[in-house]
PDB file of N, CA and C in Angstrom:
ATOM      1  N   UNK A   1     121.649 105.992  88.739  1.00  0.00           N
ATOM      2  CA  UNK A   1     121.596 106.926  87.551  1.00  0.00           C
ATOM      3  C   UNK A   1     120.193 107.610  87.421  1.00  0.00           C
ATOM      4  N   UNK A   2     119.203 106.674  87.619  1.00  0.00           N
ATOM      5  CA  UNK A   2     117.805 107.169  87.445  1.00  0.00           C
ATOM      6  C   UNK A   2     117.266 108.339  88.486  1.00  0.00           C
ATOM      7  N   UNK A   3     118.022 108.085  89.609  1.00  0.00           N
ATOM      8  CA  UNK A   3     117.774 109.150  90.605  1.00  0.00           C
ATOM      9  C   UNK A   3     118.282 110.538  90.286  1.00  0.00           C
ATOM     10  N   UNK A   4     119.210 110.543  89.724  1.00  0.00           N
ATOM     11  CA  UNK A   4     119.950 111.827  89.121  1.00  0.00           C
ATOM     12  C   UNK A   4     118.845 112.391  88.037  1.00  0.00           C
ATOM     13  N   UNK A   5     118.552 111.656  87.179  1.00  0.00           N
ATOM     14  CA  UNK A   5     117.368 112.183  86.183  1.00  0.00           C
ATOM     15  C   UNK A   5     116.181 112.508  86.913  1.00  0.00           C
ATOM     16  N   UNK A   6     115.701 111.814  87.932  1.00  0.00           N
ATOM     17  CA  UNK A   6     114.641 112.050  88.633  1.00  0.00           C
ATOM     18  C   UNK A   6     114.574 113.358  89.300  1.00  0.00           C
ATOM     19  N   UNK A   7     115.799 113.940  89.710  1.00  0.00           N
ATOM     20  CA  UNK A   7     115.647 115.252  90.332  1.00  0.00           C
ATOM     21  C   UNK A   7     115.510 116.312  89.257  1.00  0.00           C
ATOM     22  N   UNK A   8     115.770 116.079  88.108  1.00  0.00           N
ATOM     23  CA  UNK A   8     115.688 117.180  87.127  1.00  0.00           C
ATOM     24  C   UNK A   8     114.363 117.023  86.239  1.00  0.00           C
ATOM     25  N   UNK A   9     113.992 115.731  86.118  1.00  0.00           N
ATOM     26  CA  UNK A   9     112.711 115.361  85.235  1.00  0.00           C
ATOM     27  C   UNK A   9     111.879 114.391  86.008  1.00  0.00           C
ATOM     28  N   UNK A  10     110.924 114.970  86.624  1.00  0.00           N
ATOM     29  CA  UNK A  10     109.919 114.382  87.590  1.00  0.00           C
ATOM     30  C   UNK A  10     109.002 113.517  86.649  1.00  0.00           C
ATOM     31  N   UNK A  11     108.689 113.715  85.516  1.00  0.00           N
ATOM     32  CA  UNK A  11     107.753 112.920  84.588  1.00  0.00           C
ATOM     33  C   UNK A  11     108.455 111.600  84.275  1.00  0.00           C
ATOM     34  N   UNK A  12     107.577 110.605  84.583  1.00  0.00           N
ATOM     35  CA  UNK A  12     108.011 109.328  84.201  1.00  0.00           C
ATOM     36  C   UNK A  12     108.207 109.074  82.813  1.00  0.00           C
ATOM     37  N   UNK A  13     107.253 109.562  82.003  1.00  0.00           N
ATOM     38  CA  UNK A  13     107.284 109.194  80.600  1.00  0.00           C
ATOM     39  C   UNK A  13     108.381 109.941  79.932  1.00  0.00           C
ATOM     40  N   UNK A  14     108.445 111.238  80.286  1.00  0.00           N
ATOM     41  CA  UNK A  14     109.663 112.038  79.852  1.00  0.00           C
ATOM     42  C   UNK A  14     111.013 111.524  80.150  1.00  0.00           C
ATOM     43  N   UNK A  15     111.182 111.005  81.379  1.00  0.00           N
ATOM     44  CA  UNK A  15     112.456 110.440  81.842  1.00  0.00           C
ATOM     45  C   UNK A  15     112.638 109.283  81.097  1.00  0.00           C
ATOM     46  N   UNK A  16     111.587 108.347  80.829  1.00  0.00           N
ATOM     47  CA  UNK A  16     111.704 107.242  80.350  1.00  0.00           C
ATOM     48  C   UNK A  16     112.081 107.328  78.736  1.00  0.00           C
ATOM     49  N   UNK A  17     111.734 108.608  78.045  1.00  0.00           N
ATOM     50  CA  UNK A  17     112.108 108.835  76.823  1.00  0.00           C
ATOM     51  C   UNK A  17     113.641 109.280  76.498  1.00  0.00           C
ATOM     52  N   UNK A  18     114.223 109.636  77.717  1.00  0.00           N
ATOM     53  CA  UNK A  18     115.510 109.982  77.948  1.00  0.00           C
ATOM     54  C   UNK A  18     116.446 108.907  78.378  1.00  0.00           C
ATOM     55  N   UNK A  19     116.032 108.223  79.261  1.00  0.00           N
ATOM     56  CA  UNK A  19     116.894 106.994  79.793  1.00  0.00           C
ATOM     57  C   UNK A  19     116.853 105.867  79.306  1.00  0.00           C
ATOM     58  N   UNK A  20     115.676 105.402  78.747  1.00  0.00           N
ATOM     59  CA  UNK A  20     115.637 103.907  78.107  1.00  0.00           C
ATOM     60  C   UNK A  20     116.332 103.829  76.881  1.00  0.00           C
ATOM     61  N   UNK A  21     116.546 104.919  76.048  1.00  0.00           N
ATOM     62  CA  UNK A  21     117.507 104.711  74.914  1.00  0.00           C
ATOM     63  C   UNK A  21     119.165 104.299  75.407  1.00  0.00           C
ATOM     64  N   UNK A  22     119.178 104.740  76.774  1.00  0.00           N
ATOM     65  CA  UNK A  22     120.481 104.481  77.163  1.00  0.00           C
ATOM     66  C   UNK A  22     120.600 103.103  77.971  1.00  0.00           C
ATOM     67  N   UNK A  23     119.498 102.841  78.728  1.00  0.00           N
ATOM     68  CA  UNK A  23     119.552 101.622  79.411  1.00  0.00           C
ATOM     69  C   UNK A  23     119.335 100.330  78.744  1.00  0.00           C
ATOM     70  N   UNK A  24     118.575 100.324  77.605  1.00  0.00           N
ATOM     71  CA  UNK A  24     118.239  99.115  76.803  1.00  0.00           C
ATOM     72  C   UNK A  24     119.482  98.657  76.223  1.00  0.00           C
ATOM     73  N   UNK A  25     120.208  99.313  75.526  1.00  0.00           N
ATOM     74  CA  UNK A  25     121.368  98.921  74.872  1.00  0.00           C
ATOM     75  C   UNK A  25     122.508  98.352  75.843  1.00  0.00           C
ATOM     76  N   UNK A  26     122.588  99.055  77.010  1.00  0.00           N
ATOM     77  CA  UNK A  26     123.411  98.695  78.155  1.00  0.00           C
ATOM     78  C   UNK A  26     123.073  97.395  78.696  1.00  0.00           C
ATOM     79  N   UNK A  27     121.741  97.050  78.789  1.00  0.00           N
ATOM     80  CA  UNK A  27     121.222  95.670  79.155  1.00  0.00           C
ATOM     81  C   UNK A  27     121.606  94.777  78.312  1.00  0.00           C
ATOM     82  N   UNK A  28     121.638  94.961  76.971  1.00  0.00           N
ATOM     83  CA  UNK A  28     121.978  94.053  75.932  1.00  0.00           C
ATOM     84  C   UNK A  28     123.383  93.962  76.031  1.00  0.00           C
ATOM     85  N   UNK A  29     124.186  94.811  76.290  1.00  0.00           N
ATOM     86  CA  UNK A  29     125.551  94.628  76.228  1.00  0.00           C
ATOM     87  C   UNK A  29     126.034  93.842  77.417  1.00  0.00           C
ATOM     88  N   UNK A  30     125.393  93.913  78.714  1.00  0.00           N
ATOM     89  CA  UNK A  30     125.777  93.015  79.897  1.00  0.00           C
ATOM     90  C   UNK A  30     125.040  91.920  79.876  1.00  0.00           C
ATOM     91  N   UNK A  31     124.238  91.511  78.964  1.00  0.00           N
ATOM     92  CA  UNK A  31     123.447  90.295  78.989  1.00  0.00           C
ATOM     93  C   UNK A  31     122.301  90.161  79.857  1.00  0.00           C
ATOM     94  N   UNK A  32     121.658  91.310  80.117  1.00  0.00           N
ATOM     95  CA  UNK A  32     120.464  91.453  80.668  1.00  0.00           C
ATOM     96  C   UNK A  32     119.114  91.421  79.681  1.00  0.00           C
ATOM     97  N   UNK A  33     118.020  91.015  80.144  1.00  0.00           N
ATOM     98  CA  UNK A  33     116.950  91.283  79.073  1.00  0.00           C
ATOM     99  C   UNK A  33     116.472  92.733  79.109  1.00  0.00           C
ATOM    100  N   UNK A  34     115.795  93.173  78.141  1.00  0.00           N
ATOM    101  CA  UNK A  34     115.197  94.500  78.153  1.00  0.00           C
ATOM    102  C   UNK A  34     114.150  94.533  79.292  1.00  0.00           C
ATOM    103  N   UNK A  35     113.333  93.509  79.478  1.00  0.00           N
ATOM    104  CA  UNK A  35     112.333  93.342  80.430  1.00  0.00           C
ATOM    105  C   UNK A  35     112.985  93.880  81.717  1.00  0.00           C
ATOM    106  N   UNK A  36     114.092  93.327  82.220  1.00  0.00           N
ATOM    107  CA  UNK A  36     114.791  93.588  83.363  1.00  0.00           C
ATOM    108  C   UNK A  36     115.307  95.057  83.494  1.00  0.00           C
ATOM    109  N   UNK A  37     115.565  95.695  82.330  1.00  0.00           N
ATOM    110  CA  UNK A  37     116.028  97.160  82.457  1.00  0.00           C
ATOM    111  C   UNK A  37     114.929  98.007  82.638  1.00  0.00           C
ATOM    112  N   UNK A  38     113.716  97.496  82.110  1.00  0.00           N
ATOM    113  CA  UNK A  38     112.335  98.335  82.302  1.00  0.00           C
ATOM    114  C   UNK A  38     111.988  98.030  83.847  1.00  0.00           C
ATOM    115  N   UNK A  39     111.974  97.115  84.296  1.00  0.00           N
ATOM    116  CA  UNK A  39     111.684  96.709  85.779  1.00  0.00           C
ATOM    117  C   UNK A  39     112.582  97.656  86.608  1.00  0.00           C
ATOM    118  N   UNK A  40     113.817  97.650  86.388  1.00  0.00           N
ATOM    119  CA  UNK A  40     114.972  98.563  87.274  1.00  0.00           C
ATOM    120  C   UNK A  40     114.514  99.873  86.992  1.00  0.00           C
ATOM    121  N   UNK A  41     114.108 100.466  85.788  1.00  0.00           N
ATOM    122  CA  UNK A  41     113.558 101.864  85.611  1.00  0.00           C
ATOM    123  C   UNK A  41     112.424 102.150  86.522  1.00  0.00           C
ATOM    124  N   UNK A  42     111.433 101.237  86.437  1.00  0.00           N
ATOM    125  CA  UNK A  42     110.056 101.577  87.025  1.00  0.00           C
ATOM    126  C   UNK A  42     110.273 101.507  88.611  1.00  0.00           C
ATOM    127  N   UNK A  43     111.259 100.680  89.107  1.00  0.00           N
ATOM    128  CA  UNK A  43     111.579 100.488  90.469  1.00  0.00           C
ATOM    129  C   UNK A  43     111.955 101.986  91.079  1.00  0.00           C
ATOM    130  N   UNK A  44     113.172 102.194  90.181  1.00  0.00           N
ATOM    131  CA  UNK A  44     114.075 103.422  90.550  1.00  0.00           C
ATOM    132  C   UNK A  44     113.223 104.787  90.448  1.00  0.00           C
ATOM    133  N   UNK A  45     112.422 104.677  89.505  1.00  0.00           N
ATOM    134  CA  UNK A  45     111.237 105.850  89.265  1.00  0.00           C
ATOM    135  C   UNK A  45     110.318 106.089  90.459  1.00  0.00           C
ATOM    136  N   UNK A  46     109.681 104.999  90.734  1.00  0.00           N
ATOM    137  CA  UNK A  46     108.732 105.058  91.837  1.00  0.00           C
ATOM    138  C   UNK A  46     109.193 105.225  93.185  1.00  0.00           C
ATOM    139  N   UNK A  47     110.353 104.718  93.598  1.00  0.00           N
ATOM    140  CA  UNK A  47     110.890 104.863  94.943  1.00  0.00           C
ATOM    141  C   UNK A  47     111.660 106.271  94.953  1.00  0.00           C
ATOM    142  N   UNK A  48     112.124 106.709  93.849  1.00  0.00           N
ATOM    143  CA  UNK A  48     112.731 107.998  94.008  1.00  0.00           C
ATOM    144  C   UNK A  48     111.950 108.987  94.091  1.00  0.00           C
ATOM    145  N   UNK A  49     110.554 108.834  93.624  1.00  0.00           N
ATOM    146  CA  UNK A  49     109.716 109.829  93.806  1.00  0.00           C
ATOM    147  C   UNK A  49     109.154 110.229  95.257  1.00  0.00           C
ATOM    148  N   UNK A  50     109.638 109.543  96.166  1.00  0.00           N
ATOM    149  CA  UNK A  50     109.398 109.675  97.610  1.00  0.00           C
ATOM    150  C   UNK A  50     110.300 110.400  98.366  1.00  0.00           C
ATOM    151  N   UNK A  51     111.506 110.810  97.662  1.00  0.00           N
ATOM    152  CA  UNK A  51     112.642 111.473  98.292  1.00  0.00           C
ATOM    153  C   UNK A  51     112.995 112.708  97.458  1.00  0.00           C
ATOM    154  N   UNK A  52     112.701 112.832  96.323  1.00  0.00           N
ATOM    155  CA  UNK A  52     113.166 113.855  95.471  1.00  0.00           C
ATOM    156  C   UNK A  52     112.362 115.245  95.756  1.00  0.00           C
ATOM    157  N   UNK A  53     113.100 116.355  96.136  1.00  0.00           N
ATOM    158  CA  UNK A  53     112.515 117.438  96.570  1.00  0.00           C
ATOM    159  C   UNK A  53     112.024 118.353  95.302  1.00  0.00           C
ATOM    160  N   UNK A  54     112.271 117.979  94.011  1.00  0.00           N
ATOM    161  CA  UNK A  54     111.586 118.790  92.874  1.00  0.00           C
ATOM    162  C   UNK A  54     110.337 118.060  92.512  1.00  0.00           C
ATOM    163  N   UNK A  55     109.840 117.033  93.051  1.00  0.00           N
ATOM    164  CA  UNK A  55     108.652 116.351  92.788  1.00  0.00           C
ATOM    165  C   UNK A  55     107.450 117.070  93.226  1.00  0.00           C
ATOM    166  N   UNK A  56     106.644 117.712  92.546  1.00  0.00           N
ATOM    167  CA  UNK A  56     105.703 118.647  92.882  1.00  0.00           C
ATOM    168  C   UNK A  56     104.608 117.990  93.692  1.00  0.00           C
ATOM    169  N   UNK A  57     104.091 116.571  93.310  1.00  0.00           N
ATOM    170  CA  UNK A  57     103.045 116.001  94.206  1.00  0.00           C
ATOM    171  C   UNK A  57     103.734 115.606  95.612  1.00  0.00           C
ATOM    172  N   UNK A  58     104.623 115.318  95.902  1.00  0.00           N
ATOM    173  CA  UNK A  58     105.386 115.195  96.971  1.00  0.00           C
ATOM    174  C   UNK A  58     105.329 116.329  97.886  1.00  0.00           C
ATOM    175  N   UNK A  59     106.039 117.497  97.179  1.00  0.00           N
ATOM    176  CA  UNK A  59     106.127 118.757  98.037  1.00  0.00           C
ATOM    177  C   UNK A  59     104.720 119.420  98.540  1.00  0.00           C
ATOM    178  N   UNK A  60     103.805 119.283  97.506  1.00  0.00           N
ATOM    179  CA  UNK A  60     102.365 119.801  97.821  1.00  0.00           C
ATOM    180  C   UNK A  60     101.786 118.798  98.812  1.00  0.00           C
ATOM    181  N   UNK A  61     102.027 117.554  99.055  1.00  0.00           N
ATOM    182  CA  UNK A  61     101.387 116.873  99.797  1.00  0.00           C
ATOM    183  C   UNK A  61     101.820 116.847 101.083  1.00  0.00           C
ATOM    184  N   UNK A  62     103.183 117.013 101.501  1.00  0.00           N
ATOM    185  CA  UNK A  62     103.742 117.107 102.687  1.00  0.00           C
ATOM    186  C   UNK A  62     103.426 118.525 103.090  1.00  0.00           C
ATOM    187  N   UNK A  63     103.132 119.432 102.044  1.00  0.00           N
ATOM    188  CA  UNK A  63     102.914 120.925 102.565  1.00  0.00           C
ATOM    189  C   UNK A  63     101.451 120.921 103.218  1.00  0.00           C
ATOM    190  N   UNK A  64     100.672 120.245 102.356  1.00  0.00           N
ATOM    191  CA  UNK A  64      99.170 120.331 102.962  1.00  0.00           C
ATOM    192  C   UNK A  64      99.042 119.573 104.248  1.00  0.00           C
ATOM    193  N   UNK A  65     100.055 118.643 104.589  1.00  0.00           N
ATOM    194  CA  UNK A  65      99.763 117.700 105.710  1.00  0.00           C
ATOM    195  C   UNK A  65     100.707 118.659 106.834  1.00  0.00           C
ATOM    196  N   UNK A  66     101.267 119.838 106.455  1.00  0.00           N
ATOM    197  CA  UNK A  66     102.175 120.594 107.219  1.00  0.00           C
ATOM    198  C   UNK A  66     103.245 119.755 108.034  1.00  0.00           C
ATOM    199  N   UNK A  67     103.886 118.970 107.110  1.00  0.00           N
ATOM    200  CA  UNK A  67     105.204 118.284 107.489  1.00  0.00           C
ATOM    201  C   UNK A  67     106.301 118.874 106.856  1.00  0.00           C
ATOM    202  N   UNK A  68     107.381 119.365 107.657  1.00  0.00           N
ATOM    203  CA  UNK A  68     108.548 119.657 107.098  1.00  0.00           C
ATOM    204  C   UNK A  68     109.336 118.660 106.136  1.00  0.00           C
ATOM    205  N   UNK A  69     110.016 119.206 105.181  1.00  0.00           N
ATOM    206  CA  UNK A  69     110.623 118.210 104.331  1.00  0.00           C
ATOM    207  C   UNK A  69     111.713 117.517 104.982  1.00  0.00           C
ATOM    208  N   UNK A  70     112.531 118.253 105.884  1.00  0.00           N
ATOM    209  CA  UNK A  70     113.544 117.466 106.475  1.00  0.00           C
ATOM    210  C   UNK A  70     112.872 116.356 107.672  1.00  0.00           C
ATOM    211  N   UNK A  71     111.719 116.559 108.132  1.00  0.00           N
ATOM    212  CA  UNK A  71     111.213 115.536 108.941  1.00  0.00           C
ATOM    213  C   UNK A  71     110.690 114.473 107.992  1.00  0.00           C
ATOM    214  N   UNK A  72     110.014 114.767 107.136  1.00  0.00           N
ATOM    215  CA  UNK A  72     109.660 113.834 105.980  1.00  0.00           C
ATOM    216  C   UNK A  72     110.740 112.808 105.709  1.00  0.00           C
ATOM    217  N   UNK A  73     112.119 113.402 105.305  1.00  0.00           N
ATOM    218  CA  UNK A  73     113.224 112.626 105.013  1.00  0.00           C
ATOM    219  C   UNK A  73     113.670 111.727 106.167  1.00  0.00           C
ATOM    220  N   UNK A  74     113.637 112.266 107.256  1.00  0.00           N
ATOM    221  CA  UNK A  74     113.871 111.420 108.434  1.00  0.00           C
ATOM    222  C   UNK A  74     113.041 110.183 108.693  1.00  0.00           C
ATOM    223  N   UNK A  75     111.819 110.347 108.115  1.00  0.00           N
ATOM    224  CA  UNK A  75     110.836 109.151 108.156  1.00  0.00           C
ATOM    225  C   UNK A  75     111.028 108.254 106.905  1.00  0.00           C
ATOM    226  N   UNK A  76     111.238 109.030 105.835  1.00  0.00           N
ATOM    227  CA  UNK A  76     111.395 108.068 104.535  1.00  0.00           C
ATOM    228  C   UNK A  76     112.679 107.484 104.220  1.00  0.00           C
ATOM    229  N   UNK A  77     113.779 108.088 104.622  1.00  0.00           N
ATOM    230  CA  UNK A  77     115.025 107.536 104.042  1.00  0.00           C
ATOM    231  C   UNK A  77     115.118 106.040 104.684  1.00  0.00           C
ATOM    232  N   UNK A  78     114.855 105.589 105.837  1.00  0.00           N
ATOM    233  CA  UNK A  78     114.866 104.090 106.228  1.00  0.00           C
ATOM    234  C   UNK A  78     114.119 103.391 105.260  1.00  0.00           C
ATOM    235  N   UNK A  79     112.701 103.879 105.076  1.00  0.00           N
ATOM    236  CA  UNK A  79     111.815 103.105 104.050  1.00  0.00           C
ATOM    237  C   UNK A  79     112.487 102.961 102.710  1.00  0.00           C
ATOM    238  N   UNK A  80     113.102 104.134 102.169  1.00  0.00           N
ATOM    239  CA  UNK A  80     113.626 104.098 101.056  1.00  0.00           C
ATOM    240  C   UNK A  80     114.770 103.043 100.749  1.00  0.00           C
ATOM    241  N   UNK A  81     115.471 102.955 101.924  1.00  0.00           N
ATOM    242  CA  UNK A  81     116.553 101.971 101.935  1.00  0.00           C
ATOM    243  C   UNK A  81     116.137 100.633 101.863  1.00  0.00           C
ATOM    244  N   UNK A  82     114.957 100.183 102.578  1.00  0.00           N
ATOM    245  CA  UNK A  82     114.496  98.907 102.687  1.00  0.00           C
ATOM    246  C   UNK A  82     113.926  98.730 101.549  1.00  0.00           C
ATOM    247  N   UNK A  83     113.100  99.565 100.722  1.00  0.00           N
ATOM    248  CA  UNK A  83     112.473  99.355  99.304  1.00  0.00           C
ATOM    249  C   UNK A  83     113.657  99.210  98.416  1.00  0.00           C
ATOM    250  N   UNK A  84     114.779  99.802  98.517  1.00  0.00           N
ATOM    251  CA  UNK A  84     115.939  99.752  97.597  1.00  0.00           C
ATOM    252  C   UNK A  84     116.426  98.197  97.780  1.00  0.00           C
ATOM    253  N   UNK A  85     116.624  97.698  98.815  1.00  0.00           N
ATOM    254  CA  UNK A  85     117.024  96.378  99.335  1.00  0.00           C
ATOM    255  C   UNK A  85     116.046  95.397  98.492  1.00  0.00           C
ATOM    256  N   UNK A  86     114.810  95.726  98.702  1.00  0.00           N
ATOM    257  CA  UNK A  86     113.763  94.684  98.143  1.00  0.00           C
ATOM    258  C   UNK A  86     113.822  94.819  96.598  1.00  0.00           C
ATOM    259  N   UNK A  87     114.147  96.021  95.938  1.00  0.00           N
ATOM    260  CA  UNK A  87     114.114  96.111  94.616  1.00  0.00           C
ATOM    261  C   UNK A  87     115.300  95.357  94.001  1.00  0.00           C
ATOM    262  N   UNK A  88     116.628  95.417  94.835  1.00  0.00           N
ATOM    263  CA  UNK A  88     117.624  94.585  94.294  1.00  0.00           C
ATOM    264  C   UNK A  88     117.259  93.164  94.375  1.00  0.00           C
ATOM    265  N   UNK A  89     116.579  92.704  95.366  1.00  0.00           N
ATOM    266  CA  UNK A  89     116.260  91.261  95.498  1.00  0.00           C
ATOM    267  C   UNK A  89     115.238  90.944  94.248  1.00  0.00           C
ATOM    268  N   UNK A  90     114.387  91.763  93.888  1.00  0.00           N
ATOM    269  CA  UNK A  90     113.343  91.597  92.844  1.00  0.00           C
ATOM    270  C   UNK A  90     114.143  91.432  91.503  1.00  0.00           C
ATOM    271  N   UNK A  91     115.173  92.462  91.414  1.00  0.00           N
ATOM    272  CA  UNK A  91     115.947  92.362  90.116  1.00  0.00           C
ATOM    273  C   UNK A  91     116.645  91.065  90.125  1.00  0.00           C
ATOM    274  N   UNK A  92     117.413  90.630  91.084  1.00  0.00           N
ATOM    275  CA  UNK A  92     118.236  89.305  91.163  1.00  0.00           C
ATOM    276  C   UNK A  92     117.383  88.353  90.930  1.00  0.00           C
ATOM    277  N   UNK A  93     116.157  88.120  91.315  1.00  0.00           N
ATOM    278  CA  UNK A  93     115.421  87.125  91.107  1.00  0.00           C
ATOM    279  C   UNK A  93     114.876  87.160  89.762  1.00  0.00           C
ATOM    280  N   UNK A  94     114.561  88.259  89.200  1.00  0.00           N
ATOM    281  CA  UNK A  94     114.107  88.368  87.829  1.00  0.00           C
ATOM    282  C   UNK A  94     115.122  87.991  86.680  1.00  0.00           C
ATOM    283  N   UNK A  95     116.374  88.289  87.069  1.00  0.00           N
ATOM    284  CA  UNK A  95     117.599  87.910  86.180  1.00  0.00           C
ATOM    285  C   UNK A  95     117.715  86.273  86.461  1.00  0.00           C
ATOM    286  N   UNK A  96     117.546  85.814  87.520  1.00  0.00           N
ATOM    287  CA  UNK A  96     117.756  84.235  87.930  1.00  0.00           C
ATOM    288  C   UNK A  96     116.741  83.595  87.088  1.00  0.00           C
ATOM    289  N   UNK A  97     115.623  83.926  87.130  1.00  0.00           N
ATOM    290  CA  UNK A  97     114.364  83.224  86.515  1.00  0.00           C
ATOM    291  C   UNK A  97     114.395  83.546  85.027  1.00  0.00           C
ATOM    292  N   UNK A  98     115.226  84.299  84.380  1.00  0.00           N
ATOM    293  CA  UNK A  98     115.237  84.772  83.061  1.00  0.00           C
ATOM    294  C   UNK A  98     113.953  85.584  82.573  1.00  0.00           C
ATOM    295  N   UNK A  99     113.623  86.537  83.391  1.00  0.00           N
ATOM    296  CA  UNK A  99     112.372  87.512  83.234  1.00  0.00           C
ATOM    297  C   UNK A  99     112.637  87.975  81.716  1.00  0.00           C
ATOM    298  N   UNK A 100     111.525  87.480  80.972  1.00  0.00           N
ATOM    299  CA  UNK A 100     111.580  88.188  79.577  1.00  0.00           C
ATOM    300  C   UNK A 100     110.154  88.015  79.000  1.00  0.00           C
TER     301      UNK A 100
END
């Protein structure tokens, strides 16, 4: 869900103002702490910024380095998937230890 918003709203604070009023009550309903929902938001926002083509810093950085976006994606997608698995593990551990 956060990646969809990340495409249209690259600002982390602006996206948090829109997404967190939805995520916090949802976390309450499913029995997660709000800290876990904030952790999920932060992880998704940070990792998503490495593949979203509307993120100005990403596009300007790879343009300065003269790296085409498709070549960047071929390099970044495997890392993104590894980081996503690590994020799932971090979230699972935070739920198991009662991160609050």
